[in-house]
Amino acid sequence: MLSDLEIAQKAKIKPIQEIAASAGIPEEYLELYGKYKAKVSLDLEKALQDRPQGKYIDVTAITPTPLGEGKTVTTIGLSQAIGQLGKKVFTCIRQPSLGPVFGIKGGAAGGGYSQVIPMEDFNLHLTGDVHAVGLAHNLLAAFVDNCLAKGNPLGIDQHSITWPRVVDVSDRALRHIVIGLGSKDDGVPRETGFDITVASEVMAILALTSDLFDLRKRLGRIIIGQNRSRKPVTAEDLKAAGAMAVIMREAIKPTLMQTLEHTPVFVHAGPFANIAHGNSSIIADKLAIKLAEYVVTESGFGADCGMEKFMNIKCRVSGLKPNCVVLVASVRALKMHSGRFKVVPGKPLDRGLIQEDIKALVEGSANLVKHIENVRHFGIPVVVAINRFSPDTDKEIATIAEIALKAGADDVATSTVWEKGGKGGLELAEKVLQACEKTGNFQLLYPDDWPIKKKIETIATKIYGAARVEYQPLAEEKIAQYTKWGYDKLPICMAKTHLSLSHDPALKRKPEGFTLPIRDIRLSAGAGFLYPLCGEMRTMPGLPSVPAGTKVDIDEQGKVVGLF
């Protein structure tokens, strides 16, 4: 059996000009990065403004398990299948962080015969957007410390500084550090740390901005801390925002790529979904929705994380309304949610995961039921996609379908896009297109003018299933502070584990009756949201015992090997 990388490397790939032409993008709007990828000028949006909008489809999933649900492979395979049905389709997905690529997950371009190519380019640097985000972020950090070192004319309270540095590698040793050691010329000593680049507010801004001038304004609104009078200090105050915008002026353009079946793909932005809002850019979606009849995008992690933020943050900002949600599940992942099985890296899967076990499947499907309910909160049709593996039995598939339809799903389809590409997603595509024709009643979960606590509690009780919310003293202090500063009208971007509907990774299935602890609330004034920290959340991952990067190398012909 070929690896994902081997499949991608054996594929026939078309020059990116051909992909652009088939998508309706004139060559004058392309900025080539080699033969097979190109940036697309934002001037294209004005040229497309009179075109009708296509249908808007978001792909999400049940709560993740170590076995993987197949959300990205379903996103790519569904797009290829819609293309096989003769429809104009565009895929919009995030650029992966190099932290997971070399850490636990490996590549993120899809899998099997449903991938974005060139797969190596997609996973490794691409057109440098993540590095631009990191440089812009760290430039602001340098301006902060330079201000302290040069007499602190802004009167920054160094103990209030919330702006760390970033690097796009999972490096736990950098979480908490001391800088400024040495002589007086080496800066002011203080405690700080590093986040992973995709957790940067600059990345969140890139995903939510509308154009270069909006980007410049948002960067200026970034708050790095407070002065001694407890007033916010911004990037504009530090006179760093202009230079940051200049660094980001190429990164703001989405990158055009292709799937294995040559349908067009926009890759743009890459915020994490458990820390930030977990969706690709509004810019890419707005271009794609004018170019295609159907746009398939993807939200990070489960429907309680990326999809909730897609609806309440991304759609709130963009004004776009989704026509359908695809909720991905698999038999073995649902069995995992029963709590009966444990996956140990390097050891064979428990026999119950690869043999028929209806009881475990029914128990674990409580998680699927809750996520269907979560989609329905927003008034959007939902199609459950069962990512089918060879050991799955017809009875298991039928059991999931029965549970899903009873829970309120509009339809259910099996998908074998990893094995068969677009052909393996035709049933799913047909049902998704049918769902897109239904009259939806899209609604946000809360209005802007609700108090901060009411917004948090609405997400906690309706989406997570919590019974109550408990605020620690620091969170209470921040709520009062942000309300006083006038930021209480912002939407909420919850930072919590992706491994459970709750804040506790150990709580599986559909947790109920729990108390959601809010230990802190932070402000992303530039991105335009507040993010409460639920339980213990890390913004810098660590590497596993055997990092995925240990398998990545170059062979005798100079080709990349071992990349997923």
Protein backbone atom coordinates (compact mmCIF):
# COMPACT_ATOMS: atom_id res chain seq x y z
CA MET A 1 0.00 0.00 0.00
CA LEU A 2 1.40 3.39 -0.99
CA SER A 3 1.83 6.11 1.61
CA ASP A 4 0.03 9.43 1.21
CA LEU A 5 3.31 11.04 0.15
CA GLU A 6 4.01 8.33 -2.45
CA ILE A 7 0.50 8.73 -3.90
CA ALA A 8 0.99 12.49 -4.13
CA GLN A 9 4.44 12.20 -5.69
CA LYS A 10 3.20 9.78 -8.38
CA ALA A 11 0.27 12.01 -9.32
CA LYS A 12 0.07 13.99 -12.52
CA ILE A 13 0.10 17.65 -11.63
CA LYS A 14 -1.05 20.46 -13.90
CA PRO A 15 0.63 23.85 -14.23
CA ILE A 16 -1.12 26.27 -11.91
CA GLN A 17 -2.07 28.51 -14.86
CA GLU A 18 -4.31 25.68 -16.12
CA ILE A 19 -5.98 25.32 -12.73
CA ALA A 20 -6.54 29.07 -12.61
CA ALA A 21 -8.03 29.12 -16.10
CA SER A 22 -10.43 26.28 -15.28
CA ALA A 23 -11.48 28.15 -12.12
CA GLY A 24 -12.10 31.38 -14.03
CA ILE A 25 -9.09 33.30 -12.69
CA PRO A 26 -7.41 35.40 -15.41
CA GLU A 27 -3.63 35.02 -15.53
CA GLU A 28 -3.14 38.73 -14.82
CA TYR A 29 -4.22 38.08 -11.20
CA LEU A 30 -1.64 35.34 -10.62
CA GLU A 31 1.71 35.77 -8.88
CA LEU A 32 3.60 32.54 -9.55
CA TYR A 33 5.58 30.66 -6.91
CA GLY A 34 7.15 28.05 -9.19
CA LYS A 35 5.07 25.91 -11.57
CA TYR A 36 2.41 24.54 -9.27
CA LYS A 37 1.29 27.26 -6.87
CA ALA A 38 0.51 30.95 -7.11
CA LYS A 39 -0.64 33.84 -4.98
CA VAL A 40 -3.85 35.47 -6.21
CA SER A 41 -4.15 39.25 -6.23
CA LEU A 42 -6.95 40.73 -4.13
CA ASP A 43 -7.82 42.93 -7.12
CA LEU A 44 -9.71 39.88 -8.36
CA GLU A 45 -12.47 40.52 -5.81
CA LYS A 46 -13.48 43.77 -7.51
CA ALA A 47 -13.55 42.05 -10.90
CA LEU A 48 -15.93 39.41 -9.50
CA GLN A 49 -18.22 41.67 -7.49
CA ASP A 50 -21.22 41.41 -9.84
CA ARG A 51 -21.20 37.60 -9.96
CA PRO A 52 -23.75 35.57 -7.97
CA GLN A 53 -22.57 33.68 -4.91
CA GLY A 54 -22.18 29.92 -4.85
CA LYS A 55 -23.30 27.57 -2.09
CA TYR A 56 -21.23 27.55 1.10
CA ILE A 57 -20.42 24.21 2.78
CA ASP A 58 -18.55 23.74 6.07
CA VAL A 59 -16.99 20.37 6.96
CA THR A 60 -16.66 19.57 10.66
CA ALA A 61 -16.49 16.42 12.77
CA ILE A 62 -17.23 14.62 16.00
CA THR A 63 -14.82 15.11 18.91
CA PRO A 64 -11.35 14.00 17.72
CA THR A 65 -9.81 10.70 18.78
CA PRO A 66 -6.27 9.33 18.33
CA LEU A 67 -7.63 7.26 15.42
CA GLY A 68 -8.57 10.29 13.32
CA GLU A 69 -11.99 10.93 11.84
CA GLY A 70 -10.91 11.89 8.31
CA LYS A 71 -12.19 15.46 8.23
CA THR A 72 -9.61 16.89 5.82
CA VAL A 73 -9.68 13.85 3.53
CA THR A 74 -13.47 14.20 3.44
CA THR A 75 -13.19 17.91 2.63
CA ILE A 76 -10.90 17.23 -0.32
CA GLY A 77 -12.77 14.09 -1.46
CA LEU A 78 -16.15 15.85 -1.32
CA SER A 79 -14.78 18.67 -3.47
CA GLN A 80 -13.44 16.17 -6.00
CA ALA A 81 -16.79 14.37 -6.04
CA ILE A 82 -18.71 17.61 -6.62
CA GLY A 83 -16.33 18.23 -9.52
CA GLN A 84 -17.11 14.76 -10.90
CA LEU A 85 -20.81 15.68 -10.83
CA GLY A 86 -20.00 18.43 -13.32
CA LYS A 87 -20.24 21.34 -10.89
CA LYS A 88 -17.75 24.18 -10.45
CA VAL A 89 -16.24 23.72 -7.01
CA PHE A 90 -13.58 25.40 -4.90
CA THR A 91 -11.94 24.15 -1.69
CA CYS A 92 -10.74 26.59 1.00
CA ILE A 93 -8.51 25.19 3.73
CA ARG A 94 -5.91 26.28 6.24
CA GLN A 95 -2.17 26.11 5.88
CA PRO A 96 -0.76 23.59 8.38
CA SER A 97 1.59 24.54 11.18
CA LEU A 98 5.04 22.99 11.09
CA GLY A 99 4.61 22.14 14.78
CA PRO A 100 2.16 19.28 14.17
CA VAL A 101 3.85 18.35 10.87
CA PHE A 102 7.05 17.49 12.73
CA GLY A 103 5.30 16.61 15.99
CA ILE A 104 2.33 14.28 16.36
CA LYS A 105 -0.03 14.59 13.40
CA GLY A 106 2.29 14.57 10.41
CA GLY A 107 1.00 16.07 7.15
CA ALA A 108 -2.35 17.83 6.78
CA ALA A 109 -3.06 17.82 3.06
CA GLY A 110 -5.76 15.15 3.17
CA GLY A 111 -4.86 11.55 2.46
CA GLY A 112 -4.89 8.66 0.02
CA TYR A 113 -6.52 9.72 -3.25
CA SER A 114 -8.04 12.88 -1.78
CA GLN A 115 -5.14 15.26 -1.27
CA VAL A 116 -3.89 18.74 -2.07
CA ILE A 117 -0.76 18.69 -4.23
CA PRO A 118 2.16 19.29 -4.25
CA MET A 119 1.81 17.67 -0.84
CA GLU A 120 5.37 18.54 0.23
CA ASP A 121 4.87 22.22 -0.60
CA PHE A 122 1.53 22.28 1.21
CA ASN A 123 3.04 20.93 4.43
CA LEU A 124 6.43 22.64 4.30
CA HIS A 125 6.48 26.45 4.24
CA LEU A 126 4.26 26.82 1.13
CA THR A 127 4.63 30.51 0.20
CA GLY A 128 5.96 31.62 3.56
CA ASP A 129 2.78 33.07 5.09
CA VAL A 130 3.32 31.49 8.52
CA HIS A 131 6.84 32.87 8.64
CA ALA A 132 5.55 36.33 7.75
CA VAL A 133 3.06 36.06 10.61
CA GLY A 134 5.87 35.06 12.97
CA LEU A 135 8.13 37.90 11.85
CA ALA A 136 5.37 40.51 12.19
CA HIS A 137 4.50 39.18 15.65
CA ASN A 138 8.12 39.13 16.84
CA LEU A 139 8.80 42.59 15.44
CA LEU A 140 6.11 43.91 17.78
CA ALA A 141 7.66 41.95 20.67
CA ALA A 142 11.02 43.54 19.88
CA PHE A 143 9.41 47.01 19.84
CA VAL A 144 7.93 46.32 23.29
CA ASP A 145 11.27 45.38 24.82
CA ASN A 146 13.04 48.21 23.02
CA CYS A 147 10.59 50.65 24.59
CA LEU A 148 11.42 49.26 28.04
CA ALA A 149 15.16 49.46 27.33
CA LYS A 150 15.01 53.05 26.02
CA GLY A 151 13.54 54.67 29.09
CA ASN A 152 9.97 53.36 28.71
CA PRO A 153 8.40 56.57 27.34
CA LEU A 154 4.97 54.87 27.15
CA GLY A 155 5.08 53.95 30.82
CA ILE A 156 4.43 50.26 30.11
CA ASP A 157 3.89 48.16 33.22
CA GLN A 158 6.20 45.28 32.37
CA HIS A 159 4.26 42.90 34.63
CA SER A 160 1.14 43.47 32.49
CA ILE A 161 2.74 42.54 29.15
CA THR A 162 0.75 39.79 27.43
CA TRP A 163 2.58 39.75 24.08
CA PRO A 164 5.00 36.77 23.95
CA ARG A 165 7.23 35.74 21.08
CA VAL A 166 6.34 32.96 18.62
CA VAL A 167 8.03 30.19 16.65
CA ASP A 168 6.34 27.57 14.44
CA VAL A 169 7.91 24.57 16.15
CA SER A 170 6.54 22.57 19.05
CA ASP A 171 9.13 23.46 21.69
CA ARG A 172 7.98 23.09 25.30
CA ALA A 173 11.31 24.46 26.63
CA LEU A 174 10.31 27.91 25.40
CA ARG A 175 6.95 28.12 27.19
CA HIS A 176 8.39 30.07 30.14
CA ILE A 177 11.68 31.93 29.77
CA VAL A 178 13.58 34.94 31.10
CA ILE A 179 14.89 37.49 28.61
CA GLY A 180 17.16 40.52 28.91
CA LEU A 181 19.93 38.75 30.84
CA GLY A 182 23.43 40.14 30.56
CA SER A 183 24.45 43.77 30.53
CA LYS A 184 22.26 46.88 30.45
CA ASP A 185 22.63 46.92 26.66
CA ASP A 186 20.95 43.49 26.47
CA GLY A 187 17.56 44.81 27.57
CA VAL A 188 15.39 44.75 30.67
CA PRO A 189 15.18 41.31 32.34
CA ARG A 190 11.66 39.97 32.59
CA GLU A 191 9.72 36.72 32.39
CA THR A 192 7.96 35.91 29.13
CA GLY A 193 7.61 32.93 26.81
CA PHE A 194 6.89 31.62 23.34
CA ASP A 195 3.64 30.53 21.70
CA ILE A 196 3.45 28.53 18.51
CA THR A 197 3.08 30.90 15.54
CA VAL A 198 -0.39 29.76 14.55
CA ALA A 199 -1.64 30.80 17.99
CA SER A 200 -0.55 34.39 17.31
CA GLU A 201 -3.19 37.09 17.16
CA VAL A 202 -1.55 38.16 13.90
CA MET A 203 -2.61 34.81 12.40
CA ALA A 204 -6.15 35.29 13.69
CA ILE A 205 -6.17 38.76 12.11
CA LEU A 206 -4.99 37.35 8.77
CA ALA A 207 -7.88 34.89 8.77
CA LEU A 208 -10.52 37.52 9.61
CA THR A 209 -9.36 40.57 7.68
CA SER A 210 -11.00 41.85 4.49
CA ASP A 211 -8.16 43.71 2.77
CA LEU A 212 -4.73 45.29 3.32
CA PHE A 213 -6.15 48.47 4.85
CA ASP A 214 -8.37 46.56 7.26
CA LEU A 215 -5.31 44.44 8.14
CA ARG A 216 -3.34 47.60 8.93
CA LYS A 217 -6.10 48.89 11.23
CA ARG A 218 -6.45 45.55 13.03
CA LEU A 219 -2.70 45.28 13.60
CA GLY A 220 -2.75 48.76 15.11
CA ARG A 221 -5.46 47.71 17.59
CA ILE A 222 -3.39 44.85 19.07
CA ILE A 223 -2.99 45.36 22.84
CA ILE A 224 0.36 44.28 24.29
CA GLY A 225 -0.33 45.20 27.91
CA GLN A 226 -1.12 48.21 30.06
CA ASN A 227 0.60 51.37 31.16
CA ARG A 228 0.97 52.38 34.78
CA SER A 229 -2.45 54.06 34.64
CA ARG A 230 -4.04 50.73 33.65
CA LYS A 231 -4.79 51.94 30.14
CA PRO A 232 -4.20 49.59 27.18
CA VAL A 233 -0.99 49.98 25.18
CA THR A 234 -1.36 49.14 21.48
CA ALA A 235 0.86 48.32 18.52
CA GLU A 236 -0.19 51.73 17.19
CA ASP A 237 1.16 53.38 20.36
CA LEU A 238 4.47 51.60 19.76
CA LYS A 239 4.45 52.71 16.09
CA ALA A 240 4.98 49.09 15.01
CA ALA A 241 1.74 48.44 13.12
CA GLY A 242 2.84 50.00 9.83
CA ALA A 243 5.95 47.86 9.57
CA MET A 244 3.93 44.79 10.57
CA ALA A 245 1.46 45.48 7.74
CA VAL A 246 4.33 45.82 5.27
CA ILE A 247 5.66 42.40 6.34
CA MET A 248 2.17 40.94 5.82
CA ARG A 249 1.38 42.50 2.43
CA GLU A 250 2.14 39.30 0.48
CA ALA A 251 0.77 36.92 3.12
CA ILE A 252 -2.67 38.54 2.79
CA LYS A 253 -3.03 36.98 -0.68
CA PRO A 254 -4.40 33.40 -0.76
CA THR A 255 -2.35 30.65 -2.40
CA LEU A 256 -3.89 28.71 -5.30
CA MET A 257 -3.20 24.97 -5.46
CA GLN A 258 -4.99 21.85 -6.75
CA THR A 259 -6.35 18.50 -5.61
CA LEU A 260 -5.28 15.15 -7.07
CA GLU A 261 -8.24 15.49 -9.45
CA HIS A 262 -7.26 19.07 -10.37
CA THR A 263 -10.10 20.93 -8.68
CA PRO A 264 -8.91 24.32 -7.39
CA VAL A 265 -7.91 24.97 -3.80
CA PHE A 266 -7.24 28.17 -1.87
CA VAL A 267 -4.84 27.66 1.05
CA HIS A 268 -4.80 30.64 3.38
CA ALA A 269 -4.17 31.29 7.09
CA GLY A 270 -3.89 28.62 9.78
CA PRO A 271 -5.18 29.49 13.25
CA PHE A 272 -5.59 26.58 15.70
CA ALA A 273 -9.20 25.75 16.61
CA ASN A 274 -8.70 24.94 20.29
CA ILE A 275 -6.84 28.22 20.92
CA ALA A 276 -7.94 30.59 18.13
CA HIS A 277 -10.92 30.31 15.77
CA GLY A 278 -9.63 27.45 13.62
CA ASN A 279 -10.75 28.45 10.13
CA SER A 280 -9.15 29.52 6.87
CA SER A 281 -9.46 33.09 5.67
CA ILE A 282 -12.52 35.16 4.88
CA ILE A 283 -10.62 36.60 1.91
CA ALA A 284 -10.24 33.16 0.30
CA ASP A 285 -13.88 32.24 0.95
CA LYS A 286 -15.17 35.49 -0.55
CA LEU A 287 -13.12 35.00 -3.72
CA ALA A 288 -14.07 31.33 -4.04
CA ILE A 289 -17.79 31.89 -3.51
CA LYS A 290 -17.84 34.18 -6.56
CA LEU A 291 -15.78 31.80 -8.70
CA ALA A 292 -17.61 28.53 -8.02
CA GLU A 293 -21.07 27.05 -7.67
CA TYR A 294 -19.98 25.30 -4.47
CA VAL A 295 -17.32 26.21 -1.91
CA VAL A 296 -16.19 23.53 0.53
CA THR A 297 -14.29 24.78 3.56
CA GLU A 298 -13.25 23.08 6.79
CA SER A 299 -13.34 23.99 10.48
CA GLY A 300 -10.71 22.68 12.86
CA PHE A 301 -11.40 19.85 15.35
CA GLY A 302 -15.01 19.05 16.33
CA ALA A 303 -18.24 20.99 15.88
CA ASP A 304 -17.85 22.35 19.43
CA CYS A 305 -14.55 24.02 18.47
CA GLY A 306 -13.95 25.10 14.87
CA MET A 307 -17.55 24.96 13.65
CA GLU A 308 -18.94 26.96 16.56
CA LYS A 309 -16.30 29.62 15.85
CA PHE A 310 -16.95 29.40 12.10
CA MET A 311 -20.55 30.35 12.79
CA ASN A 312 -20.23 32.81 15.66
CA ILE A 313 -17.00 34.55 14.64
CA LYS A 314 -16.14 33.97 10.98
CA CYS A 315 -19.67 34.26 9.57
CA ARG A 316 -20.43 37.17 11.92
CA VAL A 317 -17.45 39.07 10.45
CA SER A 318 -17.81 37.99 6.80
CA GLY A 319 -21.59 38.20 6.51
CA LEU A 320 -21.58 34.91 4.57
CA LYS A 321 -24.25 32.34 5.40
CA PRO A 322 -23.53 28.60 5.16
CA ASN A 323 -25.92 26.38 3.21
CA CYS A 324 -24.89 23.02 4.66
CA VAL A 325 -22.66 21.44 7.29
CA VAL A 326 -21.00 18.06 6.75
CA LEU A 327 -20.34 16.24 10.02
CA VAL A 328 -17.63 13.56 9.69
CA ALA A 329 -17.56 10.44 11.85
CA SER A 330 -16.13 6.95 11.63
CA VAL A 331 -17.16 3.64 13.16
CA ARG A 332 -13.93 3.15 15.06
CA ALA A 333 -13.83 6.75 16.35
CA LEU A 334 -17.37 6.42 17.70
CA LYS A 335 -16.39 3.16 19.40
CA MET A 336 -13.50 5.03 21.02
CA HIS A 337 -16.03 7.49 22.47
CA SER A 338 -17.65 4.63 24.36
CA GLY A 339 -14.65 4.75 26.69
CA ARG A 340 -14.17 1.00 26.36
CA PHE A 341 -10.93 1.11 24.37
CA LYS A 342 -7.46 2.57 24.68
CA VAL A 343 -5.09 3.24 21.83
CA VAL A 344 -1.38 2.77 22.61
CA PRO A 345 1.08 4.08 19.99
CA GLY A 346 3.10 1.27 18.43
CA LYS A 347 0.72 -1.47 19.56
CA PRO A 348 -2.05 -3.20 17.53
CA LEU A 349 -5.55 -1.76 17.82
CA ASP A 350 -7.90 -3.40 20.30
CA ARG A 351 -9.87 -6.13 18.48
CA GLY A 352 -13.13 -4.45 19.44
CA LEU A 353 -12.20 -1.46 17.29
CA ILE A 354 -11.78 -3.58 14.17
CA GLN A 355 -14.53 -6.13 14.79
CA GLU A 356 -18.28 -5.54 14.98
CA ASP A 357 -19.27 -4.16 18.38
CA ILE A 358 -22.72 -2.58 18.21
CA LYS A 359 -22.95 -1.93 21.93
CA ALA A 360 -19.75 0.16 22.01
CA LEU A 361 -20.83 1.92 18.83
CA VAL A 362 -24.21 2.89 20.27
CA GLU A 363 -22.62 4.15 23.48
CA GLY A 364 -20.04 6.23 21.64
CA SER A 365 -22.61 7.64 19.25
CA ALA A 366 -23.86 9.90 22.04
CA ASN A 367 -21.02 12.15 20.93
CA LEU A 368 -22.34 12.23 17.36
CA VAL A 369 -25.85 13.02 18.60
CA LYS A 370 -24.57 16.02 20.55
CA HIS A 371 -22.65 17.39 17.55
CA ILE A 372 -25.74 17.06 15.33
CA GLU A 373 -27.59 19.07 17.97
CA ASN A 374 -24.78 21.65 17.89
CA VAL A 375 -25.19 22.15 14.14
CA ARG A 376 -28.96 22.44 14.48
CA HIS A 377 -28.54 25.33 16.93
CA PHE A 378 -27.47 27.42 13.93
CA GLY A 379 -30.41 26.45 11.70
CA ILE A 380 -28.28 24.80 9.00
CA PRO A 381 -28.93 21.44 7.27
CA VAL A 382 -26.45 18.76 8.36
CA VAL A 383 -25.30 15.70 6.44
CA VAL A 384 -23.39 13.05 8.39
CA ALA A 385 -20.47 11.60 6.43
CA ILE A 386 -19.36 8.17 7.66
CA ASN A 387 -15.70 7.78 6.71
CA ARG A 388 -15.75 4.05 6.01
CA PHE A 389 -12.82 1.70 6.71
CA SER A 390 -12.54 -1.88 5.40
CA PRO A 391 -13.33 -3.60 8.76
CA ASP A 392 -16.61 -1.67 9.15
CA THR A 393 -19.70 -3.86 8.79
CA ASP A 394 -22.96 -2.99 7.06
CA LYS A 395 -24.75 -3.36 10.39
CA GLU A 396 -22.44 -0.82 12.03
CA ILE A 397 -22.97 1.65 9.18
CA ALA A 398 -26.74 1.15 9.38
CA THR A 399 -26.65 1.68 13.16
CA ILE A 400 -24.89 5.04 12.80
CA ALA A 401 -27.31 6.11 10.05
CA GLU A 402 -30.32 5.24 12.19
CA ILE A 403 -28.95 7.13 15.20
CA ALA A 404 -27.98 10.17 13.12
CA LEU A 405 -31.35 10.50 11.37
CA LYS A 406 -33.20 10.07 14.65
CA ALA A 407 -31.02 12.83 16.14
CA GLY A 408 -32.03 15.28 13.43
CA ALA A 409 -29.48 14.86 10.64
CA ASP A 410 -30.92 15.73 7.23
CA ASP A 411 -29.11 12.83 5.60
CA VAL A 412 -26.32 10.28 6.02
CA ALA A 413 -23.80 9.02 3.46
CA THR A 414 -20.80 6.71 3.52
CA SER A 415 -17.52 7.97 2.11
CA THR A 416 -14.52 6.07 0.76
CA VAL A 417 -12.64 9.04 -0.66
CA TRP A 418 -9.30 7.99 0.84
CA GLU A 419 -9.36 4.83 -1.28
CA LYS A 420 -11.27 5.99 -4.35
CA GLY A 421 -10.91 9.76 -4.53
CA GLY A 422 -13.92 11.64 -5.87
CA LYS A 423 -15.67 8.43 -6.94
CA GLY A 424 -15.77 7.37 -3.31
CA GLY A 425 -17.62 10.56 -2.39
CA LEU A 426 -20.35 10.66 -5.05
CA GLU A 427 -23.11 9.53 -2.68
CA LEU A 428 -22.01 12.15 -0.15
CA ALA A 429 -21.77 14.86 -2.81
CA GLU A 430 -25.25 14.18 -4.13
CA LYS A 431 -26.75 14.37 -0.64
CA VAL A 432 -24.81 17.53 0.19
CA LEU A 433 -26.02 19.22 -2.99
CA GLN A 434 -29.58 18.26 -2.09
CA ALA A 435 -29.14 19.67 1.42
CA CYS A 436 -27.81 22.93 -0.06
CA GLU A 437 -31.15 23.43 -1.82
CA LYS A 438 -33.07 23.33 1.45
CA THR A 439 -34.23 26.57 3.00
CA GLY A 440 -31.98 27.15 5.97
CA ASN A 441 -32.62 29.51 8.84
CA PHE A 442 -29.10 30.55 9.74
CA GLN A 443 -28.81 32.23 13.11
CA LEU A 444 -25.97 33.18 15.40
CA LEU A 445 -25.94 31.76 18.90
CA TYR A 446 -25.86 35.18 20.55
CA PRO A 447 -26.06 38.89 19.63
CA ASP A 448 -23.17 41.35 20.02
CA ASP A 449 -24.78 43.30 22.84
CA TRP A 450 -25.14 40.47 25.34
CA PRO A 451 -22.85 40.76 28.41
CA ILE A 452 -19.62 38.76 28.31
CA LYS A 453 -20.80 36.22 30.88
CA LYS A 454 -24.08 35.57 29.08
CA LYS A 455 -22.22 34.84 25.83
CA ILE A 456 -19.81 32.47 27.57
CA GLU A 457 -22.60 30.67 29.41
CA THR A 458 -24.64 30.27 26.24
CA ILE A 459 -21.75 28.53 24.47
CA ALA A 460 -20.97 26.43 27.57
CA THR A 461 -24.51 25.19 28.12
CA LYS A 462 -25.78 24.87 24.55
CA ILE A 463 -22.66 23.67 22.72
CA TYR A 464 -20.68 21.85 25.43
CA GLY A 465 -23.56 20.67 27.59
CA ALA A 466 -22.23 22.23 30.81
CA ALA A 467 -24.60 22.73 33.73
CA ARG A 468 -22.90 25.90 34.93
CA VAL A 469 -19.83 28.13 34.51
CA GLU A 470 -17.41 29.01 37.30
CA TYR A 471 -15.21 32.10 37.00
CA GLN A 472 -11.91 32.30 38.85
CA PRO A 473 -10.92 35.70 40.34
CA LEU A 474 -8.60 36.61 37.45
CA ALA A 475 -11.42 35.98 34.95
CA GLU A 476 -13.80 38.13 36.97
CA GLU A 477 -11.21 40.92 37.03
CA LYS A 478 -10.72 40.71 33.27
CA ILE A 479 -14.47 40.79 32.57
CA ALA A 480 -14.79 44.00 34.56
CA GLN A 481 -11.73 45.48 32.86
CA TYR A 482 -12.78 44.65 29.28
CA THR A 483 -16.29 45.90 29.93
CA LYS A 484 -14.86 49.19 31.22
CA TRP A 485 -12.64 49.47 28.13
CA GLY A 486 -15.66 48.89 25.84
CA TYR A 487 -14.70 45.45 24.51
CA ASP A 488 -17.73 43.64 25.93
CA LYS A 489 -19.48 43.69 22.54
CA LEU A 490 -16.90 41.38 20.95
CA PRO A 491 -17.70 37.73 20.14
CA ILE A 492 -16.27 34.92 22.25
CA CYS A 493 -13.52 32.53 21.09
CA MET A 494 -13.35 29.78 23.72
CA ALA A 495 -9.94 28.22 24.31
CA LYS A 496 -10.46 24.66 25.49
CA THR A 497 -9.35 21.10 24.85
CA HIS A 498 -10.42 19.61 21.53
CA LEU A 499 -10.44 16.10 23.02
CA SER A 500 -13.77 16.43 24.83
CA LEU A 501 -16.97 18.42 24.62
CA SER A 502 -16.00 19.61 28.10
CA HIS A 503 -12.79 21.24 29.39
CA ASP A 504 -11.52 17.85 30.61
CA PRO A 505 -9.94 15.58 27.94
CA ALA A 506 -10.87 12.51 29.99
CA LEU A 507 -14.64 13.16 29.72
CA LYS A 508 -15.82 11.29 26.61
CA ARG A 509 -19.19 10.58 24.92
CA LYS A 510 -21.59 13.42 25.85
CA PRO A 511 -20.57 14.85 29.24
CA GLU A 512 -23.41 16.36 31.26
CA GLY A 513 -23.81 18.14 34.56
CA PHE A 514 -20.23 19.41 34.67
CA THR A 515 -19.01 22.87 35.69
CA LEU A 516 -16.92 24.69 33.10
CA PRO A 517 -14.06 26.59 34.81
CA ILE A 518 -12.93 29.90 33.28
CA ARG A 519 -9.51 30.68 34.75
CA ASP A 520 -8.66 33.70 32.61
CA ILE A 521 -10.01 35.78 29.73
CA ARG A 522 -7.71 37.40 27.21
CA LEU A 523 -8.35 40.08 24.63
CA SER A 524 -7.53 39.94 20.92
CA ALA A 525 -8.57 43.48 20.08
CA GLY A 526 -7.07 43.35 16.59
CA ALA A 527 -8.70 40.07 15.65
CA GLY A 528 -11.86 41.26 17.34
CA PHE A 529 -12.71 38.65 19.98
CA LEU A 530 -12.30 37.72 23.63
CA TYR A 531 -10.90 34.30 24.42
CA PRO A 532 -11.69 32.68 27.76
CA LEU A 533 -9.28 29.95 28.89
CA CYS A 534 -11.21 26.87 30.01
CA GLY A 535 -9.14 24.78 32.38
CA GLU A 536 -5.45 24.33 31.55
CA MET A 537 -4.70 25.35 27.96
CA ARG A 538 -1.27 25.42 26.32
CA THR A 539 -0.44 27.79 23.49
CA MET A 540 2.89 26.06 22.83
CA PRO A 541 2.66 22.29 22.19
CA GLY A 542 5.47 19.88 22.99
CA LEU A 543 6.97 17.10 20.91
CA PRO A 544 6.06 13.44 21.59
CA SER A 545 8.60 10.78 22.55
CA VAL A 546 9.08 9.96 18.87
CA PRO A 547 8.35 13.11 16.83
CA ALA A 548 6.96 12.69 13.31
CA GLY A 549 9.95 14.71 12.12
CA THR A 550 12.29 11.80 12.91
CA LYS A 551 10.88 9.99 9.86
CA VAL A 552 11.26 12.93 7.45
CA ASP A 553 14.34 12.91 5.24
CA ILE A 554 15.66 13.23 1.68
CA ASP A 555 16.35 10.09 -0.41
CA GLU A 556 19.15 9.45 -2.91
CA GLN A 557 17.26 11.33 -5.63
CA GLY A 558 16.68 14.36 -3.40
CA LYS A 559 12.97 13.64 -2.92
CA VAL A 560 11.20 14.16 0.40
CA VAL A 561 10.36 10.90 2.22
CA GLY A 562 8.57 10.09 5.47
CA LEU A 563 6.19 13.06 5.38
CA PHE A 564 3.00 11.22 6.44
